[in-house]
């Protein structure tokens, strides 16, 4: 849709209007993340602190606490990898179409459409960042697996 500031449709600025359903979905994701984060801070972190203190007192082997921590961090890499793949694919789509946001994609707020070289550059940068997140997540996963192996062997 082509609209100008007066809304009479004669400008060459293309705007993709916000999708209310997509906005609600994004708000639900943020709310769920906030609840999960609050749960982690309120219950999980104190439990981890208690387990570490118990290990220091000798009631629990330190290797169990360390291995448990490494497993938790390994699980953390999975959503990072998924996000990196999503970012890479989204960026590639933007670069191929040379349009941001890509055709048919819903947006959570009114968004000015970019075309041509600007959109392609934005897409390539997003693809590189997504690939970097995936690569670094795999590096982190490898380091964590190595540490877990070393703790289990010794």
Protein backbone atom coordinates (compact mmCIF):
# COMPACT_ATOMS: atom_id res chain seq x y z
CA UNK A 1 0.00 0.00 0.00
CA UNK A 2 1.32 3.43 -0.90
CA UNK A 3 0.42 6.18 1.53
CA UNK A 4 1.79 9.54 2.48
CA UNK A 5 1.56 11.43 5.77
CA UNK A 6 -1.89 12.75 4.85
CA UNK A 7 -3.02 9.21 3.99
CA UNK A 8 -4.19 10.09 0.47
CA UNK A 9 -2.20 7.36 -1.26
CA UNK A 10 -0.02 9.45 -3.57
CA UNK A 11 3.41 9.03 -1.98
CA UNK A 12 5.97 6.43 -3.06
CA UNK A 13 6.56 5.34 0.56
CA UNK A 14 5.25 1.81 1.05
CA UNK A 15 4.06 0.84 4.53
CA UNK A 16 3.16 -2.63 5.79
CA UNK A 17 0.46 -2.19 8.40
CA UNK A 18 0.77 -3.87 11.80
CA UNK A 19 -1.08 -7.17 12.19
CA UNK A 20 -3.04 -7.15 15.48
CA UNK A 21 -2.88 -10.96 15.73
CA UNK A 22 0.88 -10.93 15.33
CA UNK A 23 1.19 -8.15 17.89
CA UNK A 24 -0.84 -10.18 20.42
CA UNK A 25 1.30 -13.24 19.68
CA UNK A 26 4.48 -11.24 20.28
CA UNK A 27 3.08 -9.92 23.57
CA UNK A 28 2.25 -13.48 24.66
CA UNK A 29 5.81 -14.58 23.87
CA UNK A 30 7.22 -11.67 25.91
CA UNK A 31 4.82 -12.40 28.80
CA UNK A 32 5.69 -16.11 28.85
CA UNK A 33 9.39 -15.22 28.76
CA UNK A 34 8.92 -12.84 31.68
CA UNK A 35 7.08 -15.50 33.70
CA UNK A 36 9.72 -18.14 32.95
CA UNK A 37 12.48 -15.69 33.81
CA UNK A 38 10.77 -14.84 37.09
CA UNK A 39 10.43 -18.53 37.91
CA UNK A 40 14.09 -19.07 37.16
CA UNK A 41 15.13 -16.17 39.37
CA UNK A 42 12.75 -17.03 42.20
CA UNK A 43 13.15 -20.82 42.40
CA UNK A 44 15.85 -22.20 40.10
CA UNK A 45 18.71 -19.87 41.06
CA UNK A 46 18.21 -20.34 44.82
CA UNK A 47 18.11 -24.11 44.28
CA UNK A 48 21.38 -23.93 42.30
CA UNK A 49 22.95 -21.77 45.01
CA UNK A 50 21.83 -24.23 47.71
CA UNK A 51 23.23 -27.20 45.73
CA UNK A 52 26.56 -25.43 45.23
CA UNK A 53 26.76 -24.56 48.94
CA UNK A 54 25.96 -28.18 49.81
CA UNK A 55 28.72 -29.35 47.50
CA UNK A 56 31.18 -27.00 49.21
CA UNK A 57 30.16 -28.39 52.63
CA UNK A 58 30.79 -31.89 51.32
CA UNK A 59 27.22 -33.13 51.24
CA UNK A 60 27.15 -33.38 47.47
CA UNK A 61 30.04 -34.18 45.14
CA UNK A 62 31.29 -31.05 43.36
CA UNK A 63 31.45 -32.98 40.11
CA UNK A 64 27.67 -33.54 40.26
CA UNK A 65 27.04 -29.81 40.61
CA UNK A 66 29.50 -29.00 37.81
CA UNK A 67 28.06 -31.62 35.45
CA UNK A 68 24.51 -30.45 36.21
CA UNK A 69 25.52 -26.87 35.44
CA UNK A 70 27.12 -27.94 32.18
CA UNK A 71 23.99 -29.86 31.15
CA UNK A 72 21.86 -26.79 31.91
CA UNK A 73 24.13 -24.64 29.77
CA UNK A 74 24.02 -27.24 26.98
CA UNK A 75 20.21 -27.03 27.01
CA UNK A 76 20.54 -23.24 26.78
CA UNK A 77 22.37 -23.59 23.44
CA UNK A 78 19.37 -25.26 21.76
CA UNK A 79 17.13 -22.17 21.60
CA UNK A 80 20.18 -20.12 20.58
CA UNK A 81 20.77 -22.42 17.63
CA UNK A 82 17.07 -22.29 16.68
CA UNK A 83 17.09 -18.48 16.83
CA UNK A 84 20.26 -18.29 14.74
CA UNK A 85 18.75 -20.55 12.07
CA UNK A 86 15.59 -18.44 12.01
CA UNK A 87 17.60 -15.20 11.72
CA UNK A 88 19.74 -16.70 8.93
CA UNK A 89 16.73 -17.89 6.93
CA UNK A 90 14.85 -14.63 7.42
CA UNK A 91 17.87 -12.61 6.32
CA UNK A 92 18.38 -14.83 3.29
CA UNK A 93 14.75 -14.33 2.29
CA UNK A 94 15.12 -10.54 2.61
CA UNK A 95 18.31 -10.61 0.52
CA UNK A 96 16.77 -12.80 -2.20
CA UNK A 97 13.58 -10.75 -2.46
CA UNK A 98 15.47 -7.47 -1.97
CA UNK A 99 12.52 -6.41 0.14
CA UNK A 100 12.17 -5.83 3.87
CA UNK A 101 9.90 -7.05 5.32
CA UNK A 102 9.58 -9.95 2.87
CA UNK A 103 6.30 -10.34 1.01
CA UNK A 104 3.53 -11.89 3.05
CA UNK A 105 5.27 -11.42 6.42
CA UNK A 106 3.19 -9.96 9.22
CA UNK A 107 4.68 -7.16 11.30
CA UNK A 108 3.92 -6.05 14.86
CA UNK A 109 4.08 -2.34 14.07
CA UNK A 110 3.65 -0.25 10.94
CA UNK A 111 6.85 -0.78 8.98
CA UNK A 112 8.29 1.16 6.07
CA UNK A 113 9.26 -1.21 3.27
CA UNK A 114 12.84 -1.18 2.03
CA UNK A 115 13.63 -2.28 -1.53
CA UNK A 116 16.71 -2.94 -3.59
CA UNK A 117 20.26 -2.69 -2.38
CA UNK A 118 19.35 -1.41 1.10
CA UNK A 119 17.08 -4.39 1.73
CA UNK A 120 19.58 -6.85 0.25
CA UNK A 121 22.36 -5.46 2.45
CA UNK A 122 20.13 -5.67 5.52
CA UNK A 123 19.28 -9.26 4.62
CA UNK A 124 22.91 -10.26 4.11
CA UNK A 125 23.92 -8.71 7.44
CA UNK A 126 21.08 -10.52 9.21
CA UNK A 127 22.08 -13.80 7.56
CA UNK A 128 25.69 -13.34 8.68
CA UNK A 129 24.60 -12.53 12.23
CA UNK A 130 22.31 -15.57 12.29
CA UNK A 131 25.10 -17.81 10.99
CA UNK A 132 27.44 -16.35 13.62
CA UNK A 133 24.96 -17.14 16.40
CA UNK A 134 24.67 -20.73 15.15
CA UNK A 135 28.45 -21.14 14.82
CA UNK A 136 29.18 -19.65 18.24
CA UNK A 137 26.43 -21.76 19.81
CA UNK A 138 28.05 -24.90 18.40
CA UNK A 139 31.44 -23.74 19.69
CA UNK A 140 29.90 -23.20 23.13
CA UNK A 141 28.22 -26.60 22.95
CA UNK A 142 31.55 -28.21 22.04
CA UNK A 143 33.32 -26.55 24.96
CA UNK A 144 30.56 -27.65 27.33
CA UNK A 145 30.66 -31.22 26.03
CA UNK A 146 34.43 -31.26 26.43
CA UNK A 147 34.11 -30.04 30.02
CA UNK A 148 31.42 -32.61 30.75
CA UNK A 149 33.60 -35.37 29.29
CA UNK A 150 36.60 -34.24 31.34
CA UNK A 151 34.54 -34.20 34.54
CA UNK A 152 33.05 -37.61 33.80
CA UNK A 153 36.43 -39.20 32.96
CA UNK A 154 38.27 -37.91 36.00
